[in-house]
Amino acid sequence: MSQGSVIGEEIARFDALAAEWWDPHGPMQPLHMMNPPRAAWVAERVRRRLGAGVAVLDVGCGAGLLAEALAREGFAVTGLDAGAEVIAAARAHAEGQGLDLTYRQGTAEALAAEGAKFPVVTALEIIEHVTDPAAFLVSLKALLAPGGLLFLSTLNRTPKSYAVAKLGAEYMLRLLPVGTHDWKRFITPVELGGLCRAAGLRLADTAGLSYSPLARGFKASRDLSVNYIAMAVAD
């Protein structure tokens, strides 16, 4: 399997969490909390531009949180991840839920080399974990059909994100295992726009994913200072 932009230590770290991935109160709790608003944000924009039921490739799918959410929305989802353990967990969970999803172990680069094309590609909470974000985006662009949509989510590199997502989530609240994130790898929206342009993509929409204490969950917002999600178009 071509490793492409994959960092071996990152894959091992997330593979080690495979058995706990679907525990909403476990180490993936923040992803469980963010998944409903981010899946809804993606689904709304895909339906608006491309219609219902289109094929979606979820790159870096982990054990399938987003993949299952989009499958329940009626999309034909293929999940792709370099980790063997998370793919096994994803398949087992989908079977237990009676969901018809396709899962593959591998990298975006290897799948692109096969000539695969999808109208929609998602890569959420992934770009800050790869060796070369620019090359990774080129591979994602190669996986898109003409006029296709790419959805990315990541963390902004701001003092607030360091306080909230690194110190707060990992060290104070213990919502994530220590070492999950490297703040220096966080990407600002301006940087993401430049990376998209270099890859032949046009950044068309962004939204923040902000924690609401009253709702005890995340919601889409205008605040991009910590977590944010973006849609790019393959022109």
C-alpha atoms as a PDB file:
ATOM      1  CA  MET A   1       0.000   0.000   0.000  1.00  0.00           C
ATOM      2  CA  SER A   2       1.393   3.397  -0.975  1.00  0.00           C
ATOM      3  CA  GLN A   3       1.822   5.474   2.179  1.00  0.00           C
ATOM      4  CA  GLY A   4       1.603   8.845   0.385  1.00  0.00           C
ATOM      5  CA  SER A   5       1.100  11.644   2.910  1.00  0.00           C
ATOM      6  CA  VAL A   6       0.330   9.225   5.743  1.00  0.00           C
ATOM      7  CA  ILE A   7       2.331   9.564   8.954  1.00  0.00           C
ATOM      8  CA  GLY A   8       2.853   6.086  10.371  1.00  0.00           C
ATOM      9  CA  GLU A   9       2.761   7.229  13.996  1.00  0.00           C
ATOM     10  CA  GLU A  10      -0.565   8.978  13.415  1.00  0.00           C
ATOM     11  CA  ILE A  11      -2.121   5.865  11.879  1.00  0.00           C
ATOM     12  CA  ALA A  12      -0.872   3.732  14.774  1.00  0.00           C
ATOM     13  CA  ARG A  13      -2.264   6.227  17.299  1.00  0.00           C
ATOM     14  CA  PHE A  14      -5.751   6.154  15.801  1.00  0.00           C
ATOM     15  CA  ASP A  15      -5.664   2.400  15.122  1.00  0.00           C
ATOM     16  CA  ALA A  16      -5.032   1.901  18.844  1.00  0.00           C
ATOM     17  CA  LEU A  17      -8.336   3.659  19.542  1.00  0.00           C
ATOM     18  CA  ALA A  18     -10.383   1.538  17.111  1.00  0.00           C
ATOM     19  CA  ALA A  19     -12.151  -0.507  19.785  1.00  0.00           C
ATOM     20  CA  GLU A  20     -13.272   2.676  21.572  1.00  0.00           C
ATOM     21  CA  TRP A  21     -14.154   4.722  18.489  1.00  0.00           C
ATOM     22  CA  TRP A  22     -17.912   4.257  18.778  1.00  0.00           C
ATOM     23  CA  ASP A  23     -18.085   4.999  22.513  1.00  0.00           C
ATOM     24  CA  PRO A  24     -19.695   8.475  22.650  1.00  0.00           C
ATOM     25  CA  HIS A  25     -18.048   9.076  26.029  1.00  0.00           C
ATOM     26  CA  GLY A  26     -14.663   7.640  25.063  1.00  0.00           C
ATOM     27  CA  PRO A  27     -11.580   9.200  23.452  1.00  0.00           C
ATOM     28  CA  MET A  28     -13.543  10.074  20.285  1.00  0.00           C
ATOM     29  CA  GLN A  29     -16.146  12.058  22.239  1.00  0.00           C
ATOM     30  CA  PRO A  30     -15.337  15.377  20.488  1.00  0.00           C
ATOM     31  CA  LEU A  31     -15.865  13.751  17.073  1.00  0.00           C
ATOM     32  CA  HIS A  32     -19.190  12.310  18.236  1.00  0.00           C
ATOM     33  CA  MET A  33     -20.219  15.783  19.352  1.00  0.00           C
ATOM     34  CA  MET A  34     -19.140  17.450  16.089  1.00  0.00           C
ATOM     35  CA  ASN A  35     -20.458  14.768  13.757  1.00  0.00           C
ATOM     36  CA  PRO A  36     -24.157  15.793  13.549  1.00  0.00           C
ATOM     37  CA  PRO A  37     -23.563  19.437  12.543  1.00  0.00           C
ATOM     38  CA  ARG A  38     -20.704  18.657  10.178  1.00  0.00           C
ATOM     39  CA  ALA A  39     -22.639  15.807   8.474  1.00  0.00           C
ATOM     40  CA  ALA A  40     -25.678  18.072   8.113  1.00  0.00           C
ATOM     41  CA  TRP A  41     -23.497  20.867   6.667  1.00  0.00           C
ATOM     42  CA  VAL A  42     -22.040  18.503   4.078  1.00  0.00           C
ATOM     43  CA  ALA A  43     -25.367  16.856   3.181  1.00  0.00           C
ATOM     44  CA  GLU A  44     -27.154  20.172   2.680  1.00  0.00           C
ATOM     45  CA  ARG A  45     -24.548  21.494   0.258  1.00  0.00           C
ATOM     46  CA  VAL A  46     -24.256  18.258  -1.695  1.00  0.00           C
ATOM     47  CA  ARG A  47     -28.024  18.077  -2.217  1.00  0.00           C
ATOM     48  CA  ARG A  48     -28.186  21.740  -3.188  1.00  0.00           C
ATOM     49  CA  ARG A  49     -25.486  21.414  -5.873  1.00  0.00           C
ATOM     50  CA  LEU A  50     -25.596  17.783  -6.998  1.00  0.00           C
ATOM     51  CA  GLY A  51     -28.873  16.304  -5.756  1.00  0.00           C
ATOM     52  CA  ALA A  52     -29.635  13.327  -3.531  1.00  0.00           C
ATOM     53  CA  GLY A  53     -28.024   9.911  -3.405  1.00  0.00           C
ATOM     54  CA  VAL A  54     -24.702  10.728  -5.069  1.00  0.00           C
ATOM     55  CA  ALA A  55     -21.507   8.787  -4.374  1.00  0.00           C
ATOM     56  CA  VAL A  56     -19.272  10.067  -1.582  1.00  0.00           C
ATOM     57  CA  LEU A  57     -15.694   9.063  -0.772  1.00  0.00           C
ATOM     58  CA  ASP A  58     -14.822   9.664   2.897  1.00  0.00           C
ATOM     59  CA  VAL A  59     -11.026   9.842   3.133  1.00  0.00           C
ATOM     60  CA  GLY A  60      -9.571   9.180   6.577  1.00  0.00           C
ATOM     61  CA  CYS A  61     -12.909   7.718   7.632  1.00  0.00           C
ATOM     62  CA  GLY A  62     -11.650   6.168  10.863  1.00  0.00           C
ATOM     63  CA  ALA A  63     -14.256   3.771  12.234  1.00  0.00           C
ATOM     64  CA  GLY A  64     -17.003   5.398  10.207  1.00  0.00           C
ATOM     65  CA  LEU A  65     -18.713   8.198  12.149  1.00  0.00           C
ATOM     66  CA  LEU A  66     -19.195  10.500   9.156  1.00  0.00           C
ATOM     67  CA  ALA A  67     -19.530   7.647   6.654  1.00  0.00           C
ATOM     68  CA  GLU A  68     -22.479   6.167   8.543  1.00  0.00           C
ATOM     69  CA  ALA A  69     -24.109   9.563   9.045  1.00  0.00           C
ATOM     70  CA  LEU A  70     -23.956  10.291   5.315  1.00  0.00           C
ATOM     71  CA  ALA A  71     -25.152   6.786   4.446  1.00  0.00           C
ATOM     72  CA  ARG A  72     -28.206   7.388   6.646  1.00  0.00           C
ATOM     73  CA  GLU A  73     -28.787  10.551   4.596  1.00  0.00           C
ATOM     74  CA  GLY A  74     -29.080   8.378   1.493  1.00  0.00           C
ATOM     75  CA  PHE A  75     -25.633   8.832  -0.047  1.00  0.00           C
ATOM     76  CA  ALA A  76     -23.613   5.946  -1.518  1.00  0.00           C
ATOM     77  CA  VAL A  77     -20.567   6.090   0.752  1.00  0.00           C
ATOM     78  CA  THR A  78     -17.128   4.558   0.398  1.00  0.00           C
ATOM     79  CA  GLY A  79     -14.902   4.931   3.447  1.00  0.00           C
ATOM     80  CA  LEU A  80     -11.122   4.963   3.020  1.00  0.00           C
ATOM     81  CA  ASP A  81      -8.501   4.842   5.764  1.00  0.00           C
ATOM     82  CA  ALA A  82      -4.882   3.727   6.005  1.00  0.00           C
ATOM     83  CA  GLY A  83      -5.470   2.036   9.372  1.00  0.00           C
ATOM     84  CA  ALA A  84      -6.347  -1.658   9.319  1.00  0.00           C
ATOM     85  CA  GLU A  85      -7.869  -1.676  12.804  1.00  0.00           C
ATOM     86  CA  VAL A  86     -10.174   1.293  12.254  1.00  0.00           C
ATOM     87  CA  ILE A  87     -11.388  -0.135   8.939  1.00  0.00           C
ATOM     88  CA  ALA A  88     -12.175  -3.435  10.654  1.00  0.00           C
ATOM     89  CA  ALA A  89     -14.095  -1.559  13.355  1.00  0.00           C
ATOM     90  CA  ALA A  90     -15.950   0.453  10.705  1.00  0.00           C
ATOM     91  CA  ARG A  91     -17.030  -2.656   8.825  1.00  0.00           C
ATOM     92  CA  ALA A  92     -18.167  -4.412  11.992  1.00  0.00           C
ATOM     93  CA  HIS A  93     -20.185  -1.430  13.186  1.00  0.00           C
ATOM     94  CA  ALA A  94     -21.870  -0.887   9.800  1.00  0.00           C
ATOM     95  CA  GLU A  95     -22.844  -4.554   9.627  1.00  0.00           C
ATOM     96  CA  GLY A  96     -24.285  -4.346  13.119  1.00  0.00           C
ATOM     97  CA  GLN A  97     -26.383  -1.350  12.063  1.00  0.00           C
ATOM     98  CA  GLY A  98     -27.557  -3.010   8.857  1.00  0.00           C
ATOM     99  CA  LEU A  99     -25.955  -0.280   6.732  1.00  0.00           C
ATOM    100  CA  ASP A 100     -24.656  -0.900   3.227  1.00  0.00           C
ATOM    101  CA  LEU A 101     -21.305   0.884   3.059  1.00  0.00           C
ATOM    102  CA  THR A 102     -18.067   0.111   1.267  1.00  0.00           C
ATOM    103  CA  TYR A 103     -14.821   0.340   3.227  1.00  0.00           C
ATOM    104  CA  ARG A 104     -11.281   0.155   1.895  1.00  0.00           C
ATOM    105  CA  GLN A 105      -7.935   0.216   3.616  1.00  0.00           C
ATOM    106  CA  GLY A 106      -5.540   2.456   1.725  1.00  0.00           C
ATOM    107  CA  THR A 107      -4.485   6.018   0.985  1.00  0.00           C
ATOM    108  CA  ALA A 108      -5.908   8.784  -1.167  1.00  0.00           C
ATOM    109  CA  GLU A 109      -2.751   8.743  -3.270  1.00  0.00           C
ATOM    110  CA  ALA A 110      -3.051   5.020  -4.025  1.00  0.00           C
ATOM    111  CA  LEU A 111      -6.742   5.260  -4.887  1.00  0.00           C
ATOM    112  CA  ALA A 112      -6.115   8.269  -7.130  1.00  0.00           C
ATOM    113  CA  ALA A 113      -3.425   6.264  -8.946  1.00  0.00           C
ATOM    114  CA  GLU A 114      -6.137   3.709  -9.786  1.00  0.00           C
ATOM    115  CA  GLY A 115      -8.083   6.423 -11.598  1.00  0.00           C
ATOM    116  CA  ALA A 116     -11.063   6.410  -9.209  1.00  0.00           C
ATOM    117  CA  LYS A 117     -13.385   9.442  -9.437  1.00  0.00           C
ATOM    118  CA  PHE A 118     -16.169  10.605  -7.118  1.00  0.00           C
ATOM    119  CA  PRO A 119     -18.573  13.551  -7.301  1.00  0.00           C
ATOM    120  CA  VAL A 120     -17.995  14.220  -3.600  1.00  0.00           C
ATOM    121  CA  VAL A 121     -14.906  13.673  -1.440  1.00  0.00           C
ATOM    122  CA  THR A 122     -14.780  14.377   2.292  1.00  0.00           C
ATOM    123  CA  ALA A 123     -11.620  14.538   4.401  1.00  0.00           C
ATOM    124  CA  LEU A 124     -12.580  15.776   7.847  1.00  0.00           C
ATOM    125  CA  GLU A 125     -10.029  16.291  10.620  1.00  0.00           C
ATOM    126  CA  ILE A 126      -7.318  14.788   8.404  1.00  0.00           C
ATOM    127  CA  ILE A 127      -5.260  17.495   6.735  1.00  0.00           C
ATOM    128  CA  GLU A 128      -3.543  18.491   9.994  1.00  0.00           C
ATOM    129  CA  HIS A 129      -2.334  14.875  10.359  1.00  0.00           C
ATOM    130  CA  VAL A 130      -0.558  14.390   6.987  1.00  0.00           C
ATOM    131  CA  THR A 131       3.066  14.962   6.014  1.00  0.00           C
ATOM    132  CA  ASP A 132       2.378  17.324   3.115  1.00  0.00           C
ATOM    133  CA  PRO A 133      -1.006  19.122   3.047  1.00  0.00           C
ATOM    134  CA  ALA A 134      -0.351  20.537  -0.436  1.00  0.00           C
ATOM    135  CA  ALA A 135       0.377  17.122  -1.952  1.00  0.00           C
ATOM    136  CA  PHE A 136      -2.552  15.626  -0.054  1.00  0.00           C
ATOM    137  CA  LEU A 137      -4.934  18.182  -1.601  1.00  0.00           C
ATOM    138  CA  VAL A 138      -3.565  17.388  -5.065  1.00  0.00           C
ATOM    139  CA  SER A 139      -4.447  13.726  -4.457  1.00  0.00           C
ATOM    140  CA  LEU A 140      -7.932  14.637  -3.249  1.00  0.00           C
ATOM    141  CA  LYS A 141      -8.434  16.813  -6.345  1.00  0.00           C
ATOM    142  CA  ALA A 142      -7.411  13.841  -8.515  1.00  0.00           C
ATOM    143  CA  LEU A 143     -10.189  11.798  -6.895  1.00  0.00           C
ATOM    144  CA  LEU A 144     -12.860  14.360  -7.819  1.00  0.00           C
ATOM    145  CA  ALA A 145     -14.985  14.198 -10.943  1.00  0.00           C
ATOM    146  CA  PRO A 146     -15.204  17.479 -12.899  1.00  0.00           C
ATOM    147  CA  GLY A 147     -17.317  19.931 -10.935  1.00  0.00           C
ATOM    148  CA  GLY A 148     -17.010  17.741  -7.845  1.00  0.00           C
ATOM    149  CA  LEU A 149     -17.143  18.935  -4.267  1.00  0.00           C
ATOM    150  CA  LEU A 150     -14.420  18.520  -1.644  1.00  0.00           C
ATOM    151  CA  PHE A 151     -15.232  18.960   2.038  1.00  0.00           C
ATOM    152  CA  LEU A 152     -12.474  19.539   4.580  1.00  0.00           C
ATOM    153  CA  SER A 153     -12.533  20.269   8.281  1.00  0.00           C
ATOM    154  CA  THR A 154      -9.562  21.166  10.421  1.00  0.00           C
ATOM    155  CA  LEU A 155      -8.336  23.440  13.200  1.00  0.00           C
ATOM    156  CA  ASN A 156      -7.326  27.064  12.789  1.00  0.00           C
ATOM    157  CA  ARG A 157      -3.867  27.992  14.058  1.00  0.00           C
ATOM    158  CA  THR A 158      -4.774  30.719  16.546  1.00  0.00           C
ATOM    159  CA  PRO A 159      -4.014  31.424  20.203  1.00  0.00           C
ATOM    160  CA  LYS A 160      -7.611  30.444  20.964  1.00  0.00           C
ATOM    161  CA  SER A 161      -7.273  27.066  19.246  1.00  0.00           C
ATOM    162  CA  TYR A 162      -4.087  26.376  21.221  1.00  0.00           C
ATOM    163  CA  ALA A 163      -5.880  27.149  24.464  1.00  0.00           C
ATOM    164  CA  VAL A 164      -9.090  25.299  23.605  1.00  0.00           C
ATOM    165  CA  ALA A 165      -8.154  22.394  21.326  1.00  0.00           C
ATOM    166  CA  LYS A 166      -4.668  21.622  22.610  1.00  0.00           C
ATOM    167  CA  LEU A 167      -4.351  22.632  26.262  1.00  0.00           C
ATOM    168  CA  GLY A 168      -8.035  22.448  27.139  1.00  0.00           C
ATOM    169  CA  ALA A 169      -9.149  19.328  25.260  1.00  0.00           C
ATOM    170  CA  GLU A 170      -6.001  17.238  25.760  1.00  0.00           C
ATOM    171  CA  TYR A 171      -4.510  18.326  29.090  1.00  0.00           C
ATOM    172  CA  MET A 172      -7.259  19.935  31.177  1.00  0.00           C
ATOM    173  CA  LEU A 173     -10.530  18.250  30.206  1.00  0.00           C
ATOM    174  CA  ARG A 174      -8.930  15.051  28.861  1.00  0.00           C
ATOM    175  CA  LEU A 175     -11.439  14.933  26.018  1.00  0.00           C
ATOM    176  CA  LEU A 176      -8.683  13.703  23.696  1.00  0.00           C
ATOM    177  CA  PRO A 177      -5.575  11.593  24.303  1.00  0.00           C
ATOM    178  CA  VAL A 178      -2.516  13.752  24.937  1.00  0.00           C
ATOM    179  CA  GLY A 179      -0.567  14.148  21.705  1.00  0.00           C
ATOM    180  CA  THR A 180      -3.580  13.910  19.399  1.00  0.00           C
ATOM    181  CA  HIS A 181      -2.814  17.304  17.866  1.00  0.00           C
ATOM    182  CA  ASP A 182       0.282  19.289  16.943  1.00  0.00           C
ATOM    183  CA  TRP A 183      -0.752  22.954  17.014  1.00  0.00           C
ATOM    184  CA  LYS A 184       1.990  23.866  14.535  1.00  0.00           C
ATOM    185  CA  ARG A 185       0.218  21.684  11.935  1.00  0.00           C
ATOM    186  CA  PHE A 186      -3.078  23.563  12.261  1.00  0.00           C
ATOM    187  CA  ILE A 187      -4.044  25.424   9.077  1.00  0.00           C
ATOM    188  CA  THR A 188      -5.621  28.860   8.845  1.00  0.00           C
ATOM    189  CA  PRO A 189      -8.533  29.441   6.423  1.00  0.00           C
ATOM    190  CA  VAL A 190      -6.325  31.769   4.366  1.00  0.00           C
ATOM    191  CA  GLU A 191      -3.651  29.075   4.087  1.00  0.00           C
ATOM    192  CA  LEU A 192      -6.285  26.488   3.173  1.00  0.00           C
ATOM    193  CA  GLY A 193      -7.602  28.752   0.429  1.00  0.00           C
ATOM    194  CA  GLY A 194      -4.102  29.085  -1.014  1.00  0.00           C
ATOM    195  CA  LEU A 195      -3.502  25.337  -0.859  1.00  0.00           C
ATOM    196  CA  CYS A 196      -6.812  24.737  -2.628  1.00  0.00           C
ATOM    197  CA  ARG A 197      -5.968  27.189  -5.414  1.00  0.00           C
ATOM    198  CA  ALA A 198      -2.592  25.536  -5.929  1.00  0.00           C
ATOM    199  CA  ALA A 199      -4.348  22.165  -6.272  1.00  0.00           C
ATOM    200  CA  GLY A 200      -6.871  23.454  -8.813  1.00  0.00           C
ATOM    201  CA  LEU A 201      -9.722  23.894  -6.355  1.00  0.00           C
ATOM    202  CA  ARG A 202     -11.831  26.919  -5.467  1.00  0.00           C
ATOM    203  CA  LEU A 203     -12.723  27.423  -1.818  1.00  0.00           C
ATOM    204  CA  ALA A 204     -16.448  28.222  -2.002  1.00  0.00           C
ATOM    205  CA  ASP A 205     -17.843  28.075   1.545  1.00  0.00           C
ATOM    206  CA  THR A 206     -16.686  27.909   5.162  1.00  0.00           C
ATOM    207  CA  ALA A 207     -18.287  27.688   8.577  1.00  0.00           C
ATOM    208  CA  GLY A 208     -17.082  27.388  12.123  1.00  0.00           C
ATOM    209  CA  LEU A 209     -17.874  24.388  14.306  1.00  0.00           C
ATOM    210  CA  SER A 210     -18.434  25.999  17.683  1.00  0.00           C
ATOM    211  CA  TYR A 211     -19.227  24.438  21.033  1.00  0.00           C
ATOM    212  CA  SER A 212     -22.502  25.561  22.584  1.00  0.00           C
ATOM    213  CA  PRO A 213     -22.532  25.088  26.392  1.00  0.00           C
ATOM    214  CA  LEU A 214     -26.313  25.457  26.508  1.00  0.00           C
ATOM    215  CA  ALA A 215     -26.864  22.742  23.917  1.00  0.00           C
ATOM    216  CA  ARG A 216     -23.890  20.723  25.218  1.00  0.00           C
ATOM    217  CA  GLY A 217     -22.840  20.165  21.631  1.00  0.00           C
ATOM    218  CA  PHE A 218     -21.412  21.753  18.505  1.00  0.00           C
ATOM    219  CA  LYS A 219     -23.178  23.864  15.907  1.00  0.00           C
ATOM    220  CA  ALA A 220     -22.255  25.541  12.635  1.00  0.00           C
ATOM    221  CA  SER A 221     -21.343  29.186  13.198  1.00  0.00           C
ATOM    222  CA  ARG A 222     -19.434  32.157  11.785  1.00  0.00           C
ATOM    223  CA  ASP A 223     -16.599  31.683  14.272  1.00  0.00           C
ATOM    224  CA  LEU A 224     -13.659  30.054  12.466  1.00  0.00           C
ATOM    225  CA  SER A 225     -11.170  30.645  15.283  1.00  0.00           C
ATOM    226  CA  VAL A 226     -10.950  27.004  16.466  1.00  0.00           C
ATOM    227  CA  ASN A 227     -12.673  24.270  14.438  1.00  0.00           C
ATOM    228  CA  TYR A 228     -13.960  24.996  10.957  1.00  0.00           C
ATOM    229  CA  ILE A 229     -15.321  23.174   7.909  1.00  0.00           C
ATOM    230  CA  ALA A 230     -14.912  24.164   4.266  1.00  0.00           C
ATOM    231  CA  MET A 231     -16.234  23.250   0.820  1.00  0.00           C
ATOM    232  CA  ALA A 232     -14.054  23.506  -2.285  1.00  0.00           C
ATOM    233  CA  VAL A 233     -15.130  23.025  -5.887  1.00  0.00           C
ATOM    234  CA  ALA A 234     -13.176  21.336  -8.671  1.00  0.00           C
ATOM    235  CA  ASP A 235     -13.650  23.821 -11.502  1.00  0.00           C
END
